[in-house]
Amino acid sequence: MAWVGNVAGSVGKWMLAPLFGFYFLRDRRRIAQWLLSLVPVEKREVTVQILREMRRETAGYLRGQLMVSAVVGALTAVGLLFCGVPAWLLLGAAMGVLELIPYVGPFLGGVLVALFSLPGGLARTLWALGVVIVVQQLEGGMLSPQLMSDATRLHPVAVVLCVMLGGAAGGVGGILLSVPLLLCARAALRVVGLHRRQEGQ
């Protein structure tokens, strides 16, 4: 009963998240105006500029994530095609989508690939899993840092170090939030520095 209660509670939380997201998106302008009214009048212009820069930076980050997912999905699909795995295109698309979930996503994608390739024999399954492992190694070592660097204008080494520090500090949540937080901090510092230079002139 305790296990059932825990599962029901987890499902309830996941069902509430889209509900809250819907209402927040629907009333985002009203919420934004209310939050802005809490800021002192003399700081509102700078605050709006900071928020706009943060939105632009996070949009670049999301573009980078989508590019990484698309490349991972395409490479996986091509590799599975050469291995003769049925539904290779579907599996590649699934790997691309699951790539958005750190750690767990690639594992789930690997399980799907194994299930679809098992009817072809052990050798085909091993080749298919080898494709998944190779693509994941390329993603972690080359693709993700380079594509995220192009999208966010951060050096690839900075992206890797940021993700490593975020993972050490906050686990999966730290990995997800490390680069966006760094981009938001960079945007805020850029706007504040520009505002101070304009006041000094």
N, C-alpha and C. Protein backbone atom coordinates (compact mmCIF):
# COMPACT_ATOMS: atom_id res chain seq x y z
N MET A 1 0.82 -1.21 0.00
CA MET A 1 0.00 0.00 0.00
C MET A 1 0.85 1.25 0.00
N ALA A 2 1.96 1.19 0.74
CA ALA A 2 2.87 2.34 0.77
C ALA A 2 3.45 2.59 -0.61
N TRP A 3 3.82 1.50 -1.31
CA TRP A 3 4.38 1.66 -2.65
C TRP A 3 3.35 2.25 -3.60
N VAL A 4 2.09 1.77 -3.50
CA VAL A 4 1.02 2.30 -4.35
C VAL A 4 0.80 3.78 -4.05
N GLY A 5 0.85 4.13 -2.76
CA GLY A 5 0.69 5.54 -2.40
C GLY A 5 1.80 6.41 -2.96
N ASN A 6 3.04 5.92 -2.92
CA ASN A 6 4.16 6.68 -3.49
C ASN A 6 4.02 6.85 -4.99
N VAL A 7 3.62 5.77 -5.68
CA VAL A 7 3.43 5.86 -7.13
C VAL A 7 2.33 6.84 -7.47
N ALA A 8 1.22 6.77 -6.72
CA ALA A 8 0.11 7.68 -6.98
C ALA A 8 0.52 9.13 -6.74
N GLY A 9 1.32 9.35 -5.68
CA GLY A 9 1.80 10.71 -5.43
C GLY A 9 2.70 11.22 -6.53
N SER A 10 3.57 10.35 -7.03
CA SER A 10 4.46 10.76 -8.13
C SER A 10 3.68 11.07 -9.39
N VAL A 11 2.71 10.21 -9.72
CA VAL A 11 1.88 10.44 -10.90
C VAL A 11 1.10 11.73 -10.76
N GLY A 12 0.59 11.98 -9.54
CA GLY A 12 -0.14 13.23 -9.31
C GLY A 12 0.71 14.46 -9.54
N LYS A 13 1.97 14.41 -9.09
CA LYS A 13 2.87 15.54 -9.31
C LYS A 13 3.12 15.77 -10.80
N TRP A 14 3.35 14.67 -11.54
CA TRP A 14 3.59 14.80 -12.98
C TRP A 14 2.36 15.32 -13.71
N MET A 15 1.17 14.99 -13.20
CA MET A 15 -0.05 15.48 -13.85
C MET A 15 -0.31 16.94 -13.51
N LEU A 16 0.12 17.38 -12.32
CA LEU A 16 -0.07 18.78 -11.93
C LEU A 16 0.88 19.71 -12.68
N ALA A 17 2.05 19.21 -13.06
CA ALA A 17 3.02 20.07 -13.74
C ALA A 17 2.48 20.67 -15.03
N PRO A 18 1.88 19.88 -15.95
CA PRO A 18 1.31 20.50 -17.15
C PRO A 18 0.17 21.47 -16.85
N LEU A 19 -0.60 21.17 -15.79
CA LEU A 19 -1.70 22.05 -15.42
C LEU A 19 -1.19 23.41 -14.99
N PHE A 20 -0.19 23.41 -14.10
CA PHE A 20 0.40 24.67 -13.67
C PHE A 20 1.07 25.39 -14.84
N GLY A 21 1.76 24.60 -15.69
CA GLY A 21 2.41 25.21 -16.84
C GLY A 21 1.42 25.90 -17.76
N PHE A 22 0.25 25.27 -17.98
CA PHE A 22 -0.77 25.87 -18.84
C PHE A 22 -1.25 27.21 -18.29
N TYR A 23 -1.55 27.26 -16.99
CA TYR A 23 -2.07 28.50 -16.41
C TYR A 23 -1.00 29.58 -16.33
N PHE A 24 0.23 29.18 -16.05
CA PHE A 24 1.31 30.17 -16.03
C PHE A 24 1.53 30.77 -17.42
N LEU A 25 1.48 29.93 -18.45
CA LEU A 25 1.65 30.44 -19.81
C LEU A 25 0.48 31.32 -20.23
N ARG A 26 -0.72 30.93 -19.84
CA ARG A 26 -1.89 31.71 -20.21
C ARG A 26 -1.88 33.10 -19.57
N ASP A 27 -1.45 33.18 -18.33
CA ASP A 27 -1.47 34.45 -17.59
C ASP A 27 -0.07 35.03 -17.41
N ARG A 28 0.83 34.69 -18.34
CA ARG A 28 2.22 35.11 -18.16
C ARG A 28 2.38 36.62 -18.16
N ARG A 29 1.61 37.33 -18.98
CA ARG A 29 1.73 38.79 -19.02
C ARG A 29 1.28 39.41 -17.70
N ARG A 30 0.17 38.91 -17.18
CA ARG A 30 -0.34 39.44 -15.91
C ARG A 30 0.65 39.14 -14.77
N ILE A 31 1.19 37.93 -14.78
CA ILE A 31 2.15 37.57 -13.74
C ILE A 31 3.42 38.41 -13.87
N ALA A 32 3.87 38.62 -15.11
CA ALA A 32 5.07 39.42 -15.33
C ALA A 32 4.85 40.86 -14.87
N GLN A 33 3.70 41.44 -15.16
CA GLN A 33 3.42 42.80 -14.71
C GLN A 33 3.37 42.88 -13.18
N TRP A 34 2.79 41.86 -12.55
CA TRP A 34 2.73 41.87 -11.08
C TRP A 34 4.12 41.76 -10.47
N LEU A 35 4.96 40.88 -11.04
CA LEU A 35 6.33 40.75 -10.52
C LEU A 35 7.12 42.03 -10.75
N LEU A 36 6.90 42.67 -11.91
CA LEU A 36 7.61 43.90 -12.20
C LEU A 36 7.19 45.03 -11.27
N SER A 37 5.95 45.00 -10.84
CA SER A 37 5.48 46.04 -9.90
C SER A 37 6.18 45.94 -8.55
N LEU A 38 6.76 44.79 -8.23
CA LEU A 38 7.49 44.63 -6.98
C LEU A 38 8.88 45.24 -7.03
N VAL A 39 9.37 45.51 -8.25
CA VAL A 39 10.70 46.08 -8.42
C VAL A 39 10.62 47.60 -8.27
N PRO A 40 11.58 48.23 -7.58
CA PRO A 40 11.58 49.69 -7.49
C PRO A 40 11.54 50.35 -8.87
N VAL A 41 10.88 51.51 -8.96
CA VAL A 41 10.66 52.16 -10.24
C VAL A 41 11.97 52.45 -10.97
N GLU A 42 12.97 52.92 -10.21
CA GLU A 42 14.23 53.30 -10.86
C GLU A 42 15.01 52.10 -11.38
N LYS A 43 14.64 50.87 -10.96
CA LYS A 43 15.35 49.67 -11.41
C LYS A 43 14.58 48.87 -12.46
N ARG A 44 13.39 49.34 -12.81
CA ARG A 44 12.54 48.53 -13.69
C ARG A 44 13.11 48.44 -15.11
N GLU A 45 13.63 49.53 -15.63
CA GLU A 45 14.15 49.50 -17.00
C GLU A 45 15.29 48.52 -17.12
N VAL A 46 16.23 48.55 -16.15
CA VAL A 46 17.35 47.62 -16.18
C VAL A 46 16.87 46.19 -16.01
N THR A 47 15.88 45.99 -15.14
CA THR A 47 15.34 44.65 -14.90
C THR A 47 14.73 44.08 -16.18
N VAL A 48 13.97 44.91 -16.91
CA VAL A 48 13.37 44.44 -18.16
C VAL A 48 14.45 44.09 -19.17
N GLN A 49 15.49 44.90 -19.25
CA GLN A 49 16.58 44.60 -20.19
C GLN A 49 17.28 43.30 -19.82
N ILE A 50 17.49 43.08 -18.52
CA ILE A 50 18.12 41.84 -18.07
C ILE A 50 17.27 40.63 -18.43
N LEU A 51 15.96 40.73 -18.20
CA LEU A 51 15.07 39.61 -18.50
C LEU A 51 15.03 39.32 -20.00
N ARG A 52 15.08 40.38 -20.82
CA ARG A 52 15.08 40.16 -22.27
C ARG A 52 16.36 39.46 -22.71
N GLU A 53 17.48 39.88 -22.14
CA GLU A 53 18.74 39.23 -22.50
C GLU A 53 18.77 37.78 -22.03
N MET A 54 18.22 37.53 -20.84
CA MET A 54 18.14 36.15 -20.35
C MET A 54 17.29 35.29 -21.27
N ARG A 55 16.18 35.85 -21.75
CA ARG A 55 15.33 35.09 -22.65
C ARG A 55 16.06 34.79 -23.95
N ARG A 56 16.81 35.76 -24.46
CA ARG A 56 17.55 35.52 -25.69
C ARG A 56 18.63 34.45 -25.50
N GLU A 57 19.32 34.51 -24.36
CA GLU A 57 20.37 33.52 -24.09
C GLU A 57 19.79 32.12 -23.92
N THR A 58 18.69 32.00 -23.18
CA THR A 58 18.09 30.69 -22.97
C THR A 58 17.50 30.13 -24.27
N ALA A 59 17.01 31.01 -25.15
CA ALA A 59 16.53 30.56 -26.45
C ALA A 59 17.67 29.93 -27.25
N GLY A 60 18.85 30.54 -27.19
CA GLY A 60 20.02 29.95 -27.85
C GLY A 60 20.38 28.60 -27.26
N TYR A 61 20.27 28.49 -25.94
CA TYR A 61 20.55 27.21 -25.29
C TYR A 61 19.58 26.13 -25.76
N LEU A 62 18.29 26.47 -25.84
CA LEU A 62 17.30 25.50 -26.30
C LEU A 62 17.55 25.09 -27.74
N ARG A 63 17.95 26.05 -28.58
CA ARG A 63 18.29 25.69 -29.96
C ARG A 63 19.45 24.71 -29.99
N GLY A 64 20.44 24.95 -29.14
CA GLY A 64 21.57 24.03 -29.08
C GLY A 64 21.17 22.64 -28.65
N GLN A 65 20.28 22.55 -27.65
CA GLN A 65 19.82 21.25 -27.20
C GLN A 65 19.07 20.51 -28.30
N LEU A 66 18.24 21.24 -29.03
CA LEU A 66 17.49 20.60 -30.13
C LEU A 66 18.43 20.14 -31.24
N MET A 67 19.49 20.91 -31.51
CA MET A 67 20.46 20.49 -32.52
C MET A 67 21.17 19.21 -32.09
N VAL A 68 21.57 19.15 -30.81
CA VAL A 68 22.23 17.94 -30.31
C VAL A 68 21.30 16.73 -30.44
N SER A 69 20.04 16.90 -30.06
CA SER A 69 19.09 15.80 -30.16
C SER A 69 18.90 15.35 -31.60
N ALA A 70 18.81 16.33 -32.51
CA ALA A 70 18.61 15.98 -33.92
C ALA A 70 19.82 15.22 -34.47
N VAL A 71 21.03 15.66 -34.14
CA VAL A 71 22.23 14.98 -34.64
C VAL A 71 22.34 13.58 -34.06
N VAL A 72 22.08 13.44 -32.76
CA VAL A 72 22.14 12.12 -32.13
C VAL A 72 21.11 11.19 -32.76
N GLY A 73 19.91 11.68 -32.98
CA GLY A 73 18.89 10.85 -33.61
C GLY A 73 19.27 10.43 -35.01
N ALA A 74 19.83 11.37 -35.78
CA ALA A 74 20.21 11.04 -37.16
C ALA A 74 21.35 10.03 -37.19
N LEU A 75 22.38 10.23 -36.37
CA LEU A 75 23.51 9.29 -36.36
C LEU A 75 23.07 7.91 -35.90
N THR A 76 22.21 7.86 -34.89
CA THR A 76 21.72 6.57 -34.41
C THR A 76 20.91 5.86 -35.49
N ALA A 77 20.05 6.60 -36.18
CA ALA A 77 19.23 6.00 -37.23
C ALA A 77 20.10 5.44 -38.35
N VAL A 78 21.11 6.19 -38.77
CA VAL A 78 21.99 5.71 -39.86
C VAL A 78 22.75 4.46 -39.41
N GLY A 79 23.26 4.49 -38.18
CA GLY A 79 23.98 3.32 -37.68
C GLY A 79 23.10 2.09 -37.59
N LEU A 80 21.88 2.26 -37.11
CA LEU A 80 20.97 1.12 -37.01
C LEU A 80 20.54 0.62 -38.40
N LEU A 81 20.46 1.52 -39.37
CA LEU A 81 20.14 1.11 -40.73
C LEU A 81 21.21 0.18 -41.28
N PHE A 82 22.49 0.54 -41.06
CA PHE A 82 23.58 -0.30 -41.54
C PHE A 82 23.63 -1.63 -40.79
N CYS A 83 23.14 -1.65 -39.54
CA CYS A 83 23.11 -2.90 -38.78
C CYS A 83 21.93 -3.78 -39.16
N GLY A 84 21.01 -3.26 -39.97
CA GLY A 84 19.86 -4.03 -40.38
C GLY A 84 18.78 -4.14 -39.32
N VAL A 85 18.70 -3.16 -38.42
CA VAL A 85 17.69 -3.19 -37.36
C VAL A 85 16.38 -2.68 -37.92
N PRO A 86 15.28 -3.40 -37.73
CA PRO A 86 13.98 -2.90 -38.21
C PRO A 86 13.56 -1.66 -37.43
N ALA A 87 12.74 -0.85 -38.04
CA ALA A 87 12.24 0.39 -37.41
C ALA A 87 13.40 1.31 -37.02
N TRP A 88 14.45 1.33 -37.85
CA TRP A 88 15.63 2.14 -37.53
C TRP A 88 15.30 3.63 -37.48
N LEU A 89 14.40 4.07 -38.34
CA LEU A 89 14.05 5.49 -38.33
C LEU A 89 13.29 5.86 -37.06
N LEU A 90 12.36 5.02 -36.65
CA LEU A 90 11.60 5.26 -35.43
C LEU A 90 12.52 5.25 -34.21
N LEU A 91 13.45 4.31 -34.18
CA LEU A 91 14.38 4.24 -33.06
C LEU A 91 15.30 5.45 -33.02
N GLY A 92 15.74 5.92 -34.19
CA GLY A 92 16.57 7.13 -34.22
C GLY A 92 15.82 8.34 -33.70
N ALA A 93 14.55 8.47 -34.10
CA ALA A 93 13.74 9.58 -33.59
C ALA A 93 13.54 9.46 -32.08
N ALA A 94 13.33 8.24 -31.59
CA ALA A 94 13.16 8.04 -30.15
C ALA A 94 14.43 8.40 -29.40
N MET A 95 15.59 8.02 -29.94
CA MET A 95 16.86 8.37 -29.29
C MET A 95 17.07 9.87 -29.27
N GLY A 96 16.66 10.55 -30.35
CA GLY A 96 16.78 12.00 -30.37
C GLY A 96 15.93 12.66 -29.31
N VAL A 97 14.70 12.19 -29.12
CA VAL A 97 13.82 12.77 -28.11
C VAL A 97 14.32 12.44 -26.70
N LEU A 98 14.72 11.19 -26.49
CA LEU A 98 15.19 10.77 -25.17
C LEU A 98 16.52 11.41 -24.80
N GLU A 99 17.24 11.92 -25.80
CA GLU A 99 18.50 12.59 -25.53
C GLU A 99 18.30 13.82 -24.64
N LEU A 100 17.10 14.37 -24.64
CA LEU A 100 16.82 15.54 -23.81
C LEU A 100 16.79 15.21 -22.33
N ILE A 101 16.71 13.91 -21.99
CA ILE A 101 16.69 13.49 -20.59
C ILE A 101 18.07 12.97 -20.22
N PRO A 102 18.81 13.66 -19.37
CA PRO A 102 20.18 13.21 -19.04
C PRO A 102 20.18 11.84 -18.37
N TYR A 103 21.19 11.05 -18.69
CA TYR A 103 21.44 9.74 -18.09
C TYR A 103 20.33 8.73 -18.39
N VAL A 104 19.13 9.01 -17.92
CA VAL A 104 18.03 8.05 -18.06
C VAL A 104 17.61 7.91 -19.51
N GLY A 105 17.56 9.01 -20.25
CA GLY A 105 17.10 8.97 -21.63
C GLY A 105 17.89 8.04 -22.52
N PRO A 106 19.23 8.20 -22.59
CA PRO A 106 20.00 7.28 -23.43
C PRO A 106 19.87 5.82 -23.00
N PHE A 107 19.75 5.58 -21.68
CA PHE A 107 19.56 4.20 -21.21
C PHE A 107 18.25 3.62 -21.72
N LEU A 108 17.17 4.39 -21.62
CA LEU A 108 15.88 3.92 -22.12
C LEU A 108 15.93 3.70 -23.63
N GLY A 109 16.62 4.60 -24.34
CA GLY A 109 16.77 4.41 -25.78
C GLY A 109 17.53 3.15 -26.10
N GLY A 110 18.58 2.86 -25.34
CA GLY A 110 19.33 1.62 -25.55
C GLY A 110 18.49 0.39 -25.32
N VAL A 111 17.60 0.44 -24.31
CA VAL A 111 16.70 -0.69 -24.06
C VAL A 111 15.77 -0.90 -25.25
N LEU A 112 15.23 0.21 -25.80
CA LEU A 112 14.36 0.09 -26.98
C LEU A 112 15.10 -0.52 -28.16
N VAL A 113 16.32 -0.06 -28.39
CA VAL A 113 17.11 -0.59 -29.50
C VAL A 113 17.36 -2.08 -29.31
N ALA A 114 17.67 -2.49 -28.09
CA ALA A 114 17.92 -3.91 -27.82
C ALA A 114 16.66 -4.74 -28.07
N LEU A 115 15.52 -4.24 -27.64
CA LEU A 115 14.27 -4.98 -27.83
C LEU A 115 13.93 -5.16 -29.31
N PHE A 116 14.16 -4.11 -30.11
CA PHE A 116 13.83 -4.20 -31.53
C PHE A 116 14.84 -5.05 -32.30
N SER A 117 16.08 -5.13 -31.81
CA SER A 117 17.11 -5.87 -32.55
C SER A 117 17.25 -7.32 -32.10
N LEU A 118 16.67 -7.69 -30.97
CA LEU A 118 16.79 -9.07 -30.48
C LEU A 118 16.27 -10.12 -31.46
N PRO A 119 15.16 -9.88 -32.15
CA PRO A 119 14.69 -10.91 -33.10
C PRO A 119 15.71 -11.24 -34.20
N GLY A 120 16.64 -10.32 -34.46
CA GLY A 120 17.64 -10.58 -35.49
C GLY A 120 18.83 -11.36 -35.01
N GLY A 121 18.86 -11.71 -33.74
CA GLY A 121 19.97 -12.50 -33.22
C GLY A 121 20.88 -11.69 -32.31
N LEU A 122 21.74 -12.41 -31.62
CA LEU A 122 22.64 -11.78 -30.65
C LEU A 122 23.64 -10.85 -31.32
N ALA A 123 24.16 -11.26 -32.48
CA ALA A 123 25.16 -10.44 -33.15
C ALA A 123 24.58 -9.08 -33.56
N ARG A 124 23.38 -9.08 -34.12
CA ARG A 124 22.76 -7.82 -34.52
C ARG A 124 22.49 -6.94 -33.30
N THR A 125 22.07 -7.56 -32.20
CA THR A 125 21.81 -6.79 -30.98
C THR A 125 23.08 -6.13 -30.47
N LEU A 126 24.17 -6.88 -30.48
CA LEU A 126 25.44 -6.31 -30.01
C LEU A 126 25.91 -5.18 -30.91
N TRP A 127 25.76 -5.35 -32.23
CA TRP A 127 26.13 -4.27 -33.15
C TRP A 127 25.26 -3.02 -32.92
N ALA A 128 23.98 -3.24 -32.72
CA ALA A 128 23.07 -2.11 -32.49
C ALA A 128 23.41 -1.38 -31.19
N LEU A 129 23.68 -2.12 -30.13
CA LEU A 129 24.07 -1.47 -28.87
C LEU A 129 25.42 -0.78 -29.01
N GLY A 130 26.29 -1.36 -29.84
CA GLY A 130 27.57 -0.69 -30.11
C GLY A 130 27.37 0.65 -30.78
N VAL A 131 26.40 0.72 -31.71
CA VAL A 131 26.09 2.00 -32.36
C VAL A 131 25.61 3.02 -31.33
N VAL A 132 24.74 2.58 -30.44
CA VAL A 132 24.23 3.50 -29.41
C VAL A 132 25.36 4.01 -28.53
N ILE A 133 26.26 3.13 -28.11
CA ILE A 133 27.36 3.53 -27.24
C ILE A 133 28.30 4.49 -27.94
N VAL A 134 28.63 4.18 -29.21
CA VAL A 134 29.54 5.06 -29.96
C VAL A 134 28.94 6.45 -30.14
N VAL A 135 27.65 6.50 -30.50
CA VAL A 135 26.99 7.81 -30.69
C VAL A 135 26.95 8.58 -29.38
N GLN A 136 26.70 7.90 -28.27
CA GLN A 136 26.67 8.58 -26.98
C GLN A 136 28.05 9.11 -26.59
N GLN A 137 29.10 8.36 -26.92
CA GLN A 137 30.45 8.83 -26.64
C GLN A 137 30.78 10.06 -27.50
N LEU A 138 30.37 10.02 -28.76
CA LEU A 138 30.57 11.19 -29.62
C LEU A 138 29.79 12.39 -29.11
N GLU A 139 28.57 12.15 -28.65
CA GLU A 139 27.73 13.24 -28.15
C GLU A 139 28.37 13.89 -26.92
N GLY A 140 28.83 13.07 -25.98
CA GLY A 140 29.38 13.62 -24.75
C GLY A 140 30.73 14.28 -24.94
N GLY A 141 31.54 13.74 -25.84
CA GLY A 141 32.89 14.26 -25.98
C GLY A 141 33.08 15.32 -27.04
N MET A 142 32.24 15.30 -28.10
CA MET A 142 32.46 16.22 -29.21
C MET A 142 31.20 17.01 -29.60
N LEU A 143 30.12 16.28 -29.87
CA LEU A 143 28.95 16.94 -30.46
C LEU A 143 28.34 17.97 -29.52
N SER A 144 28.02 17.55 -28.30
CA SER A 144 27.32 18.45 -27.38
C SER A 144 28.14 19.69 -27.06
N PRO A 145 29.43 19.56 -26.67
CA PRO A 145 30.19 20.79 -26.40
C PRO A 145 30.29 21.72 -27.60
N GLN A 146 30.52 21.15 -28.81
CA GLN A 146 30.70 22.01 -29.98
C GLN A 146 29.40 22.68 -30.40
N LEU A 147 28.31 21.91 -30.45
CA LEU A 147 27.03 22.48 -30.87
C LEU A 147 26.51 23.48 -29.84
N MET A 148 26.66 23.16 -28.56
CA MET A 148 26.23 24.11 -27.53
C MET A 148 27.10 25.36 -27.55
N SER A 149 28.37 25.20 -27.88
CA SER A 149 29.25 26.36 -27.99
C SER A 149 28.81 27.27 -29.14
N ASP A 150 28.46 26.67 -30.27
CA ASP A 150 27.99 27.48 -31.40
C ASP A 150 26.68 28.19 -31.08
N ALA A 151 25.80 27.53 -30.34
CA ALA A 151 24.48 28.10 -30.05
C ALA A 151 24.52 29.15 -28.95
N THR A 152 25.44 28.99 -27.99
CA THR A 152 25.46 29.88 -26.83
C THR A 152 26.64 30.84 -26.82
N ARG A 153 27.56 30.67 -27.78
CA ARG A 153 28.77 31.50 -27.83
C ARG A 153 29.62 31.33 -26.58
N LEU A 154 29.61 30.12 -26.03
CA LEU A 154 30.51 29.74 -24.95
C LEU A 154 31.58 28.82 -25.52
N HIS A 155 32.78 28.87 -24.96
CA HIS A 155 33.83 27.97 -25.40
C HIS A 155 33.45 26.53 -25.04
N PRO A 156 33.77 25.56 -25.90
CA PRO A 156 33.42 24.16 -25.58
C PRO A 156 33.96 23.70 -24.23
N VAL A 157 35.17 24.13 -23.87
CA VAL A 157 35.71 23.75 -22.56
C VAL A 157 34.86 24.33 -21.43
N ALA A 158 34.38 25.57 -21.63
CA ALA A 158 33.51 26.18 -20.61
C ALA A 158 32.21 25.40 -20.46
N VAL A 159 31.67 24.91 -21.57
CA VAL A 159 30.44 24.11 -21.51
C VAL A 159 30.68 22.83 -20.73
N VAL A 160 31.78 22.13 -21.04
CA VAL A 160 32.08 20.87 -20.35
C VAL A 160 32.31 21.09 -18.86
N LEU A 161 33.10 22.10 -18.51
CA LEU A 161 33.37 22.38 -17.10
C LEU A 161 32.10 22.79 -16.36
N CYS A 162 31.25 23.57 -17.02
CA CYS A 162 30.00 24.00 -16.40
C CYS A 162 29.10 22.80 -16.10
N VAL A 163 28.98 21.88 -17.06
CA VAL A 163 28.16 20.69 -16.85
C VAL A 163 28.74 19.81 -15.75
N MET A 164 30.08 19.67 -15.72
CA MET A 164 30.71 18.86 -14.68
C MET A 164 30.49 19.46 -13.30
N LEU A 165 30.66 20.76 -13.17
CA LEU A 165 30.45 21.41 -11.87
C LEU A 165 28.99 21.33 -11.46
N GLY A 166 28.08 21.51 -12.42
CA GLY A 166 26.66 21.41 -12.11
C GLY A 166 26.28 20.01 -11.65
N GLY A 167 26.84 18.99 -12.30
CA GLY A 167 26.57 17.62 -11.89
C GLY A 167 27.11 17.32 -10.52
N ALA A 168 28.32 17.83 -10.22
CA ALA A 168 28.91 17.59 -8.89
C ALA A 168 28.13 18.31 -7.79
N ALA A 169 27.58 19.47 -8.11
CA ALA A 169 26.87 20.25 -7.10
C ALA A 169 25.42 19.84 -6.93
N GLY A 170 24.74 19.50 -8.03
CA GLY A 170 23.30 19.23 -7.93
C GLY A 170 22.80 18.01 -8.65
N GLY A 171 23.69 17.11 -9.05
CA GLY A 171 23.24 15.89 -9.71
C GLY A 171 22.62 16.18 -11.07
N VAL A 172 21.54 15.47 -11.38
CA VAL A 172 20.88 15.63 -12.67
C VAL A 172 20.32 17.04 -12.82
N GLY A 173 19.73 17.56 -11.75
CA GLY A 173 19.21 18.94 -11.80
C GLY A 173 20.31 19.94 -12.08
N GLY A 174 21.48 19.73 -11.47
CA GLY A 174 22.60 20.63 -11.73
C GLY A 174 23.09 20.56 -13.16
N ILE A 175 23.06 19.35 -13.75
CA ILE A 175 23.46 19.21 -15.15
C ILE A 175 22.50 19.97 -16.05
N LEU A 176 21.21 19.85 -15.77
CA LEU A 176 20.20 20.52 -16.59
C LEU A 176 20.28 22.03 -16.49
N LEU A 177 20.56 22.53 -15.29
CA LEU A 177 20.46 23.98 -15.05
C LEU A 177 21.79 24.70 -15.14
N SER A 178 22.90 23.98 -15.22
CA SER A 178 24.21 24.64 -15.12
C SER A 178 24.44 25.64 -16.26
N VAL A 179 24.27 25.18 -17.49
CA VAL A 179 24.52 26.07 -18.63
C VAL A 179 23.49 27.21 -18.70
N PRO A 180 22.17 26.96 -18.54
CA PRO A 180 21.22 28.08 -18.54
C PRO A 180 21.50 29.10 -17.45
N LEU A 181 21.90 28.66 -16.25
CA LEU A 181 22.21 29.61 -15.17
C LEU A 181 23.44 30.43 -15.51
N LEU A 182 24.43 29.79 -16.12
CA LEU A 182 25.62 30.54 -16.53
C LEU A 182 25.27 31.59 -17.59
N LEU A 183 24.42 31.21 -18.54
CA LEU A 183 24.01 32.15 -19.58
C LEU A 183 23.21 33.31 -18.99
N CYS A 184 22.32 33.01 -18.05
CA CYS A 184 21.53 34.08 -17.42
C CYS A 184 22.44 35.01 -16.63
N ALA A 185 23.42 34.47 -15.93
CA ALA A 185 24.36 35.31 -15.18
C ALA A 185 25.17 36.19 -16.13
N ARG A 186 25.59 35.61 -17.26
CA ARG A 186 26.34 36.40 -18.23
C ARG A 186 25.49 37.53 -18.81
N ALA A 187 24.23 37.24 -19.10
CA ALA A 187 23.34 38.27 -19.63
C ALA A 187 23.13 39.38 -18.61
N ALA A 188 22.91 39.03 -17.35
CA ALA A 188 22.68 40.03 -16.32
C ALA A 188 23.92 40.91 -16.13
N LEU A 189 25.09 40.30 -16.09
CA LEU A 189 26.32 41.07 -15.91
C LEU A 189 26.57 41.99 -17.11
N ARG A 190 26.24 41.51 -18.31
CA ARG A 190 26.43 42.34 -19.50
C ARG A 190 25.53 43.57 -19.46
N VAL A 191 24.26 43.39 -19.11
CA VAL A 191 23.34 44.53 -19.05
C VAL A 191 23.72 45.50 -17.94
N VAL A 192 24.07 44.97 -16.77
CA VAL A 192 24.46 45.84 -15.65
C VAL A 192 25.72 46.63 -15.99
N GLY A 193 26.69 45.97 -16.62
CA GLY A 193 27.91 46.68 -17.01
C GLY A 193 27.64 47.77 -18.03
N LEU A 194 26.80 47.48 -19.02
CA LEU A 194 26.44 48.48 -20.02
C LEU A 194 25.71 49.66 -19.38
N HIS A 195 24.81 49.36 -18.45
CA HIS A 195 24.05 50.43 -17.77
C HIS A 195 24.98 51.31 -16.96
N ARG A 196 25.94 50.73 -16.28
CA ARG A 196 26.89 51.52 -15.49
C ARG A 196 27.77 52.39 -16.37
N ARG A 197 28.18 51.85 -17.53
CA ARG A 197 28.99 52.67 -18.44
C ARG A 197 28.19 53.85 -18.98
N GLN A 198 26.92 53.62 -19.26
CA GLN A 198 26.08 54.72 -19.74
C GLN A 198 25.87 55.77 -18.65
N GLU A 199 25.74 55.34 -17.41
CA GLU A 199 25.58 56.32 -16.32
C GLU A 199 26.86 57.09 -16.08
N GLY A 200 28.02 56.45 -16.36
CA GLY A 200 29.30 57.13 -16.13
C GLY A 200 29.65 58.14 -17.21
N GLN A 201 28.99 58.08 -18.36
CA GLN A 201 29.30 59.02 -19.44
C GLN A 201 28.69 60.39 -19.19
